[in-house]
PDB file of N, CA and C in Angstrom:
ATOM      1  N   UNK A   1      55.450 -70.850 -23.580  1.00  0.00           N
ATOM      2  CA  UNK A   1      54.968 -70.898 -22.216  1.00  0.00           C
ATOM      3  C   UNK A   1      53.804 -71.898 -22.155  1.00  0.00           C
ATOM      4  N   UNK A   2      53.765 -72.688 -21.126  1.00  0.00           N
ATOM      5  CA  UNK A   2      52.750 -73.726 -21.025  1.00  0.00           C
ATOM      6  C   UNK A   2      51.389 -73.134 -20.671  1.00  0.00           C
ATOM      7  N   UNK A   3      50.362 -73.911 -20.986  1.00  0.00           N
ATOM      8  CA  UNK A   3      48.999 -73.482 -20.670  1.00  0.00           C
ATOM      9  C   UNK A   3      48.792 -73.376 -19.168  1.00  0.00           C
ATOM     10  N   UNK A   4      49.413 -74.285 -18.408  1.00  0.00           N
ATOM     11  CA  UNK A   4      49.284 -74.248 -16.952  1.00  0.00           C
ATOM     12  C   UNK A   4      49.904 -72.972 -16.405  1.00  0.00           C
ATOM     13  N   UNK A   5      51.052 -72.600 -16.938  1.00  0.00           N
ATOM     14  CA  UNK A   5      51.715 -71.371 -16.497  1.00  0.00           C
ATOM     15  C   UNK A   5      50.846 -70.150 -16.806  1.00  0.00           C
ATOM     16  N   UNK A   6      50.269 -70.101 -18.013  1.00  0.00           N
ATOM     17  CA  UNK A   6      49.410 -68.972 -18.389  1.00  0.00           C
ATOM     18  C   UNK A   6      48.202 -68.873 -17.468  1.00  0.00           C
ATOM     19  N   UNK A   7      47.590 -70.011 -17.168  1.00  0.00           N
ATOM     20  CA  UNK A   7      46.432 -70.014 -16.279  1.00  0.00           C
ATOM     21  C   UNK A   7      46.828 -69.587 -14.870  1.00  0.00           C
ATOM     22  N   UNK A   8      47.976 -70.080 -14.398  1.00  0.00           N
ATOM     23  CA  UNK A   8      48.454 -69.698 -13.061  1.00  0.00           C
ATOM     24  C   UNK A   8      48.735 -68.200 -13.000  1.00  0.00           C
ATOM     25  N   UNK A   9      49.334 -67.644 -14.045  1.00  0.00           N
ATOM     26  CA  UNK A   9      49.601 -66.208 -14.084  1.00  0.00           C
ATOM     27  C   UNK A   9      48.305 -65.410 -14.073  1.00  0.00           C
ATOM     28  N   UNK A  10      47.322 -65.883 -14.828  1.00  0.00           N
ATOM     29  CA  UNK A  10      46.040 -65.188 -14.890  1.00  0.00           C
ATOM     30  C   UNK A  10      45.357 -65.195 -13.524  1.00  0.00           C
ATOM     31  N   UNK A  11      45.385 -66.351 -12.845  1.00  0.00           N
ATOM     32  CA  UNK A  11      44.782 -66.441 -11.520  1.00  0.00           C
ATOM     33  C   UNK A  11      45.524 -65.559 -10.516  1.00  0.00           C
ATOM     34  N   UNK A  12      46.848 -65.585 -10.572  1.00  0.00           N
ATOM     35  CA  UNK A  12      47.645 -64.760  -9.657  1.00  0.00           C
ATOM     36  C   UNK A  12      47.382 -63.280  -9.899  1.00  0.00           C
ATOM     37  N   UNK A  13      47.300 -62.877 -11.159  1.00  0.00           N
ATOM     38  CA  UNK A  13      47.010 -61.477 -11.490  1.00  0.00           C
ATOM     39  C   UNK A  13      45.637 -61.058 -10.974  1.00  0.00           C
ATOM     40  N   UNK A  14      44.654 -61.953 -11.074  1.00  0.00           N
ATOM     41  CA  UNK A  14      43.309 -61.644 -10.575  1.00  0.00           C
ATOM     42  C   UNK A  14      43.330 -61.448  -9.064  1.00  0.00           C
ATOM     43  N   UNK A  15      44.069 -62.284  -8.365  1.00  0.00           N
ATOM     44  CA  UNK A  15      44.142 -62.172  -6.909  1.00  0.00           C
ATOM     45  C   UNK A  15      44.889 -60.906  -6.492  1.00  0.00           C
ATOM     46  N   UNK A  16      45.982 -60.623  -7.158  1.00  0.00           N
ATOM     47  CA  UNK A  16      46.743 -59.409  -6.859  1.00  0.00           C
ATOM     48  C   UNK A  16      45.889 -58.173  -7.148  1.00  0.00           C
ATOM     49  N   UNK A  17      45.170 -58.207  -8.271  1.00  0.00           N
ATOM     50  CA  UNK A  17      44.278 -57.098  -8.609  1.00  0.00           C
ATOM     51  C   UNK A  17      43.206 -56.893  -7.560  1.00  0.00           C
ATOM     52  N   UNK A  18      42.654 -57.998  -7.055  1.00  0.00           N
ATOM     53  CA  UNK A  18      41.647 -57.880  -6.000  1.00  0.00           C
ATOM     54  C   UNK A  18      42.248 -57.230  -4.765  1.00  0.00           C
ATOM     55  N   UNK A  19      43.429 -57.694  -4.340  1.00  0.00           N
ATOM     56  CA  UNK A  19      44.058 -57.129  -3.137  1.00  0.00           C
ATOM     57  C   UNK A  19      44.283 -55.626  -3.280  1.00  0.00           C
ATOM     58  N   UNK A  20      44.737 -55.205  -4.445  1.00  0.00           N
ATOM     59  CA  UNK A  20      44.967 -53.774  -4.676  1.00  0.00           C
ATOM     60  C   UNK A  20      43.668 -52.989  -4.598  1.00  0.00           C
ATOM     61  N   UNK A  21      42.628 -53.488  -5.260  1.00  0.00           N
ATOM     62  CA  UNK A  21      41.333 -52.805  -5.247  1.00  0.00           C
ATOM     63  C   UNK A  21      40.748 -52.771  -3.837  1.00  0.00           C
ATOM     64  N   UNK A  22      40.919 -53.852  -3.098  1.00  0.00           N
ATOM     65  CA  UNK A  22      40.386 -53.908  -1.743  1.00  0.00           C
ATOM     66  C   UNK A  22      41.094 -52.910  -0.835  1.00  0.00           C
ATOM     67  N   UNK A  23      42.404 -52.773  -0.986  1.00  0.00           N
ATOM     68  CA  UNK A  23      43.147 -51.808  -0.169  1.00  0.00           C
ATOM     69  C   UNK A  23      42.708 -50.375  -0.487  1.00  0.00           C
ATOM     70  N   UNK A  24      42.477 -50.073  -1.752  1.00  0.00           N
ATOM     71  CA  UNK A  24      41.986 -48.740  -2.121  1.00  0.00           C
ATOM     72  C   UNK A  24      40.594 -48.530  -1.537  1.00  0.00           C
ATOM     73  N   UNK A  25      39.759 -49.554  -1.618  1.00  0.00           N
ATOM     74  CA  UNK A  25      38.405 -49.492  -1.047  1.00  0.00           C
ATOM     75  C   UNK A  25      38.456 -49.162   0.442  1.00  0.00           C
ATOM     76  N   UNK A  26      39.303 -49.861   1.183  1.00  0.00           N
ATOM     77  CA  UNK A  26      39.432 -49.627   2.625  1.00  0.00           C
ATOM     78  C   UNK A  26      39.942 -48.211   2.902  1.00  0.00           C
ATOM     79  N   UNK A  27      41.000 -47.799   2.207  1.00  0.00           N
ATOM     80  CA  UNK A  27      41.609 -46.494   2.456  1.00  0.00           C
ATOM     81  C   UNK A  27      40.642 -45.354   2.134  1.00  0.00           C
ATOM     82  N   UNK A  28      40.011 -45.411   0.969  1.00  0.00           N
ATOM     83  CA  UNK A  28      39.116 -44.334   0.560  1.00  0.00           C
ATOM     84  C   UNK A  28      37.900 -44.268   1.476  1.00  0.00           C
ATOM     85  N   UNK A  29      37.320 -45.420   1.788  1.00  0.00           N
ATOM     86  CA  UNK A  29      36.136 -45.405   2.644  1.00  0.00           C
ATOM     87  C   UNK A  29      36.468 -45.009   4.074  1.00  0.00           C
ATOM     88  N   UNK A  30      37.646 -45.335   4.556  1.00  0.00           N
ATOM     89  CA  UNK A  30      38.057 -44.860   5.882  1.00  0.00           C
ATOM     90  C   UNK A  30      38.183 -43.341   5.882  1.00  0.00           C
ATOM     91  N   UNK A  31      38.783 -42.803   4.834  1.00  0.00           N
ATOM     92  CA  UNK A  31      38.914 -41.357   4.694  1.00  0.00           C
ATOM     93  C   UNK A  31      37.538 -40.689   4.627  1.00  0.00           C
ATOM     94  N   UNK A  32      36.641 -41.263   3.829  1.00  0.00           N
ATOM     95  CA  UNK A  32      35.291 -40.717   3.721  1.00  0.00           C
ATOM     96  C   UNK A  32      34.534 -40.821   5.037  1.00  0.00           C
ATOM     97  N   UNK A  33      34.754 -41.894   5.775  1.00  0.00           N
ATOM     98  CA  UNK A  33      34.097 -42.058   7.078  1.00  0.00           C
ATOM     99  C   UNK A  33      34.556 -40.981   8.048  1.00  0.00           C
ATOM    100  N   UNK A  34      35.831 -40.651   8.007  1.00  0.00           N
ATOM    101  CA  UNK A  34      36.351 -39.580   8.864  1.00  0.00           C
ATOM    102  C   UNK A  34      35.712 -38.244   8.485  1.00  0.00           C
ATOM    103  N   UNK A  35      35.666 -37.959   7.192  1.00  0.00           N
ATOM    104  CA  UNK A  35      35.037 -36.720   6.725  1.00  0.00           C
ATOM    105  C   UNK A  35      33.568 -36.689   7.155  1.00  0.00           C
ATOM    106  N   UNK A  36      32.882 -37.803   6.974  1.00  0.00           N
ATOM    107  CA  UNK A  36      31.478 -37.891   7.363  1.00  0.00           C
ATOM    108  C   UNK A  36      31.306 -37.634   8.862  1.00  0.00           C
ATOM    109  N   UNK A  37      32.155 -38.239   9.670  1.00  0.00           N
ATOM    110  CA  UNK A  37      32.040 -38.094  11.128  1.00  0.00           C
ATOM    111  C   UNK A  37      32.332 -36.664  11.584  1.00  0.00           C
ATOM    112  N   UNK A  38      33.250 -35.996  10.903  1.00  0.00           N
ATOM    113  CA  UNK A  38      33.626 -34.636  11.300  1.00  0.00           C
ATOM    114  C   UNK A  38      32.604 -33.602  10.841  1.00  0.00           C
ATOM    115  N   UNK A  39      32.179 -33.681   9.598  1.00  0.00           N
ATOM    116  CA  UNK A  39      31.352 -32.618   9.031  1.00  0.00           C
ATOM    117  C   UNK A  39      29.842 -32.862   9.084  1.00  0.00           C
ATOM    118  N   UNK A  40      29.419 -34.105   8.903  1.00  0.00           N
ATOM    119  CA  UNK A  40      27.972 -34.375   8.904  1.00  0.00           C
ATOM    120  C   UNK A  40      27.669 -35.670   9.658  1.00  0.00           C
ATOM    121  N   UNK A  41      27.931 -35.689  10.952  1.00  0.00           N
ATOM    122  CA  UNK A  41      27.711 -36.928  11.713  1.00  0.00           C
ATOM    123  C   UNK A  41      26.242 -37.328  11.826  1.00  0.00           C
ATOM    124  N   UNK A  42      25.343 -36.393  11.609  1.00  0.00           N
ATOM    125  CA  UNK A  42      23.926 -36.699  11.720  1.00  0.00           C
ATOM    126  C   UNK A  42      23.404 -37.486  10.508  1.00  0.00           C
ATOM    127  N   UNK A  43      24.142 -37.482   9.414  1.00  0.00           N
ATOM    128  CA  UNK A  43      23.713 -38.190   8.207  1.00  0.00           C
ATOM    129  C   UNK A  43      24.852 -39.094   7.741  1.00  0.00           C
ATOM    130  N   UNK A  44      24.645 -40.382   7.720  1.00  0.00           N
ATOM    131  CA  UNK A  44      25.712 -41.328   7.366  1.00  0.00           C
ATOM    132  C   UNK A  44      25.738 -41.607   5.860  1.00  0.00           C
ATOM    133  N   UNK A  45      26.080 -40.602   5.095  1.00  0.00           N
ATOM    134  CA  UNK A  45      26.158 -40.752   3.655  1.00  0.00           C
ATOM    135  C   UNK A  45      27.270 -41.698   3.225  1.00  0.00           C
ATOM    136  N   UNK A  46      28.264 -41.898   4.074  1.00  0.00           N
ATOM    137  CA  UNK A  46      29.382 -42.777   3.726  1.00  0.00           C
ATOM    138  C   UNK A  46      28.911 -44.211   3.497  1.00  0.00           C
ATOM    139  N   UNK A  47      27.785 -44.578   4.092  1.00  0.00           N
ATOM    140  CA  UNK A  47      27.271 -45.937   3.904  1.00  0.00           C
ATOM    141  C   UNK A  47      26.913 -46.223   2.448  1.00  0.00           C
ATOM    142  N   UNK A  48      26.520 -45.196   1.704  1.00  0.00           N
ATOM    143  CA  UNK A  48      26.216 -45.392   0.291  1.00  0.00           C
ATOM    144  C   UNK A  48      27.459 -45.853  -0.476  1.00  0.00           C
ATOM    145  N   UNK A  49      28.574 -45.195  -0.244  1.00  0.00           N
ATOM    146  CA  UNK A  49      29.798 -45.602  -0.944  1.00  0.00           C
ATOM    147  C   UNK A  49      30.284 -46.956  -0.456  1.00  0.00           C
ATOM    148  N   UNK A  50      30.178 -47.201   0.840  1.00  0.00           N
ATOM    149  CA  UNK A  50      30.627 -48.482   1.384  1.00  0.00           C
ATOM    150  C   UNK A  50      29.828 -49.631   0.771  1.00  0.00           C
ATOM    151  N   UNK A  51      28.519 -49.485   0.730  1.00  0.00           N
ATOM    152  CA  UNK A  51      27.664 -50.567   0.230  1.00  0.00           C
ATOM    153  C   UNK A  51      27.769 -50.709  -1.292  1.00  0.00           C
ATOM    154  N   UNK A  52      27.620 -49.621  -2.014  1.00  0.00           N
ATOM    155  CA  UNK A  52      27.622 -49.719  -3.478  1.00  0.00           C
ATOM    156  C   UNK A  52      28.983 -50.160  -4.016  1.00  0.00           C
ATOM    157  N   UNK A  53      30.031 -49.558  -3.539  1.00  0.00           N
ATOM    158  CA  UNK A  53      31.370 -49.952  -3.954  1.00  0.00           C
ATOM    159  C   UNK A  53      31.663 -51.367  -3.446  1.00  0.00           C
ATOM    160  N   UNK A  54      31.117 -51.692  -2.288  1.00  0.00           N
ATOM    161  CA  UNK A  54      31.292 -53.024  -1.716  1.00  0.00           C
ATOM    162  C   UNK A  54      30.752 -54.125  -2.612  1.00  0.00           C
ATOM    163  N   UNK A  55      29.649 -53.862  -3.316  1.00  0.00           N
ATOM    164  CA  UNK A  55      29.137 -54.845  -4.271  1.00  0.00           C
ATOM    165  C   UNK A  55      30.161 -55.116  -5.367  1.00  0.00           C
ATOM    166  N   UNK A  56      30.800 -54.071  -5.845  1.00  0.00           N
ATOM    167  CA  UNK A  56      31.844 -54.246  -6.851  1.00  0.00           C
ATOM    168  C   UNK A  56      33.016 -55.040  -6.313  1.00  0.00           C
ATOM    169  N   UNK A  57      33.406 -54.766  -5.092  1.00  0.00           N
ATOM    170  CA  UNK A  57      34.498 -55.507  -4.457  1.00  0.00           C
ATOM    171  C   UNK A  57      34.108 -56.971  -4.276  1.00  0.00           C
ATOM    172  N   UNK A  58      32.871 -57.221  -3.909  1.00  0.00           N
ATOM    173  CA  UNK A  58      32.391 -58.600  -3.761  1.00  0.00           C
ATOM    174  C   UNK A  58      32.468 -59.353  -5.086  1.00  0.00           C
ATOM    175  N   UNK A  59      32.085 -58.701  -6.154  1.00  0.00           N
ATOM    176  CA  UNK A  59      32.167 -59.329  -7.474  1.00  0.00           C
ATOM    177  C   UNK A  59      33.615 -59.643  -7.831  1.00  0.00           C
ATOM    178  N   UNK A  60      34.522 -58.707  -7.558  1.00  0.00           N
ATOM    179  CA  UNK A  60      35.938 -58.957  -7.813  1.00  0.00           C
ATOM    180  C   UNK A  60      36.457 -60.140  -6.988  1.00  0.00           C
ATOM    181  N   UNK A  61      36.018 -60.218  -5.732  1.00  0.00           N
ATOM    182  CA  UNK A  61      36.409 -61.332  -4.874  1.00  0.00           C
ATOM    183  C   UNK A  61      35.926 -62.657  -5.453  1.00  0.00           C
ATOM    184  N   UNK A  62      34.668 -62.697  -5.851  1.00  0.00           N
ATOM    185  CA  UNK A  62      34.112 -63.927  -6.410  1.00  0.00           C
ATOM    186  C   UNK A  62      34.842 -64.345  -7.680  1.00  0.00           C
ATOM    187  N   UNK A  63      35.160 -63.377  -8.528  1.00  0.00           N
ATOM    188  CA  UNK A  63      35.884 -63.686  -9.763  1.00  0.00           C
ATOM    189  C   UNK A  63      37.291 -64.188  -9.488  1.00  0.00           C
ATOM    190  N   UNK A  64      37.948 -63.647  -8.473  1.00  0.00           N
ATOM    191  CA  UNK A  64      39.342 -64.010  -8.201  1.00  0.00           C
ATOM    192  C   UNK A  64      39.482 -65.294  -7.395  1.00  0.00           C
ATOM    193  N   UNK A  65      38.570 -65.525  -6.446  1.00  0.00           N
ATOM    194  CA  UNK A  65      38.766 -66.625  -5.506  1.00  0.00           C
ATOM    195  C   UNK A  65      37.741 -67.751  -5.600  1.00  0.00           C
ATOM    196  N   UNK A  66      36.510 -67.443  -5.912  1.00  0.00           N
ATOM    197  CA  UNK A  66      35.471 -68.470  -5.895  1.00  0.00           C
ATOM    198  C   UNK A  66      35.265 -69.083  -7.276  1.00  0.00           C
ATOM    199  N   UNK A  67      35.199 -68.266  -8.295  1.00  0.00           N
ATOM    200  CA  UNK A  67      34.986 -68.738  -9.662  1.00  0.00           C
ATOM    201  C   UNK A  67      36.116 -68.247 -10.576  1.00  0.00           C
ATOM    202  N   UNK A  68      37.354 -68.634 -10.321  1.00  0.00           N
ATOM    203  CA  UNK A  68      38.471 -68.038 -11.067  1.00  0.00           C
ATOM    204  C   UNK A  68      38.481 -68.355 -12.556  1.00  0.00           C
ATOM    205  N   UNK A  69      37.927 -69.480 -12.961  1.00  0.00           N
ATOM    206  CA  UNK A  69      38.026 -69.866 -14.364  1.00  0.00           C
ATOM    207  C   UNK A  69      36.684 -69.973 -15.065  1.00  0.00           C
ATOM    208  N   UNK A  70      35.641 -69.590 -14.410  1.00  0.00           N
ATOM    209  CA  UNK A  70      34.317 -69.841 -14.954  1.00  0.00           C
ATOM    210  C   UNK A  70      34.039 -69.066 -16.232  1.00  0.00           C
ATOM    211  N   UNK A  71      34.336 -67.798 -16.255  1.00  0.00           N
ATOM    212  CA  UNK A  71      33.898 -66.978 -17.375  1.00  0.00           C
ATOM    213  C   UNK A  71      35.015 -66.444 -18.257  1.00  0.00           C
ATOM    214  N   UNK A  72      36.246 -66.571 -17.842  1.00  0.00           N
ATOM    215  CA  UNK A  72      37.299 -65.876 -18.580  1.00  0.00           C
ATOM    216  C   UNK A  72      38.369 -66.801 -19.139  1.00  0.00           C
ATOM    217  N   UNK A  73      38.028 -68.024 -19.403  1.00  0.00           N
ATOM    218  CA  UNK A  73      39.020 -68.925 -19.974  1.00  0.00           C
ATOM    219  C   UNK A  73      38.674 -69.225 -21.420  1.00  0.00           C
ATOM    220  N   UNK A  74      39.654 -69.667 -22.140  1.00  0.00           N
ATOM    221  CA  UNK A  74      39.445 -70.049 -23.526  1.00  0.00           C
ATOM    222  C   UNK A  74      38.535 -71.267 -23.608  1.00  0.00           C
ATOM    223  N   UNK A  75      38.624 -72.162 -22.626  1.00  0.00           N
ATOM    224  CA  UNK A  75      37.750 -73.338 -22.624  1.00  0.00           C
ATOM    225  C   UNK A  75      36.287 -72.934 -22.517  1.00  0.00           C
ATOM    226  N   UNK A  76      35.989 -71.975 -21.664  1.00  0.00           N
ATOM    227  CA  UNK A  76      34.615 -71.505 -21.511  1.00  0.00           C
ATOM    228  C   UNK A  76      34.126 -70.889 -22.817  1.00  0.00           C
ATOM    229  N   UNK A  77      34.974 -70.112 -23.431  1.00  0.00           N
ATOM    230  CA  UNK A  77      34.625 -69.481 -24.704  1.00  0.00           C
ATOM    231  C   UNK A  77      34.350 -70.536 -25.762  1.00  0.00           C
ATOM    232  N   UNK A  78      35.222 -71.522 -25.861  1.00  0.00           N
ATOM    233  CA  UNK A  78      35.030 -72.600 -26.829  1.00  0.00           C
ATOM    234  C   UNK A  78      33.744 -73.370 -26.552  1.00  0.00           C
ATOM    235  N   UNK A  79      33.457 -73.609 -25.284  1.00  0.00           N
ATOM    236  CA  UNK A  79      32.223 -74.305 -24.905  1.00  0.00           C
ATOM    237  C   UNK A  79      31.007 -73.518 -25.382  1.00  0.00           C
ATOM    238  N   UNK A  80      31.014 -72.217 -25.175  1.00  0.00           N
ATOM    239  CA  UNK A  80      29.884 -71.384 -25.590  1.00  0.00           C
ATOM    240  C   UNK A  80      29.769 -71.316 -27.107  1.00  0.00           C
ATOM    241  N   UNK A  81      30.886 -71.302 -27.801  1.00  0.00           N
ATOM    242  CA  UNK A  81      30.853 -71.303 -29.270  1.00  0.00           C
ATOM    243  C   UNK A  81      30.221 -72.595 -29.771  1.00  0.00           C
ATOM    244  N   UNK A  82      30.627 -73.734 -29.177  1.00  0.00           N
ATOM    245  CA  UNK A  82      30.046 -75.021 -29.571  1.00  0.00           C
ATOM    246  C   UNK A  82      28.542 -75.048 -29.295  1.00  0.00           C
ATOM    247  N   UNK A  83      28.126 -74.508 -28.155  1.00  0.00           N
ATOM    248  CA  UNK A  83      26.698 -74.463 -27.834  1.00  0.00           C
ATOM    249  C   UNK A  83      25.932 -73.624 -28.845  1.00  0.00           C
ATOM    250  N   UNK A  84      26.480 -72.480 -29.210  1.00  0.00           N
ATOM    251  CA  UNK A  84      25.804 -71.621 -30.188  1.00  0.00           C
ATOM    252  C   UNK A  84      25.766 -72.268 -31.564  1.00  0.00           C
ATOM    253  N   UNK A  85      26.835 -72.945 -31.950  1.00  0.00           N
ATOM    254  CA  UNK A  85      26.860 -73.644 -33.230  1.00  0.00           C
ATOM    255  C   UNK A  85      25.803 -74.751 -33.241  1.00  0.00           C
ATOM    256  N   UNK A  86      25.654 -75.437 -32.139  1.00  0.00           N
ATOM    257  CA  UNK A  86      24.646 -76.498 -32.053  1.00  0.00           C
ATOM    258  C   UNK A  86      23.240 -75.921 -32.175  1.00  0.00           C
ATOM    259  N   UNK A  87      23.016 -74.789 -31.545  1.00  0.00           N
ATOM    260  CA  UNK A  87      21.706 -74.138 -31.654  1.00  0.00           C
ATOM    261  C   UNK A  87      21.413 -73.729 -33.089  1.00  0.00           C
ATOM    262  N   UNK A  88      22.434 -73.222 -33.777  1.00  0.00           N
ATOM    263  CA  UNK A  88      22.240 -72.789 -35.159  1.00  0.00           C
ATOM    264  C   UNK A  88      21.991 -73.952 -36.105  1.00  0.00           C
ATOM    265  N   UNK A  89      22.549 -75.094 -35.804  1.00  0.00           N
ATOM    266  CA  UNK A  89      22.349 -76.277 -36.646  1.00  0.00           C
ATOM    267  C   UNK A  89      20.935 -76.824 -36.511  1.00  0.00           C
ATOM    268  N   UNK A  90      20.325 -76.632 -35.390  1.00  0.00           N
ATOM    269  CA  UNK A  90      18.968 -77.183 -35.175  1.00  0.00           C
ATOM    270  C   UNK A  90      17.886 -76.286 -35.670  1.00  0.00           C
TER     271      UNK A  90
END
């Protein structure tokens, strides 16, 4: 299998994974919002899950769409190994 194909599969998997996680995020938080509105409308505790979980979703989005190859490619790993080897030589 070619390197381009492997990279394309990895990027596609990251995007598909993000979509799945985002749909779960929406469904669960909608359910929690309903529970919050019915049982404790005076206290919006659902905002804690929306915001905190939302940070995780934002990170997944950035990894899948904005910086797809920055940290998880073999080239990046090789670059960091070369940098560390250079530091050790000096």
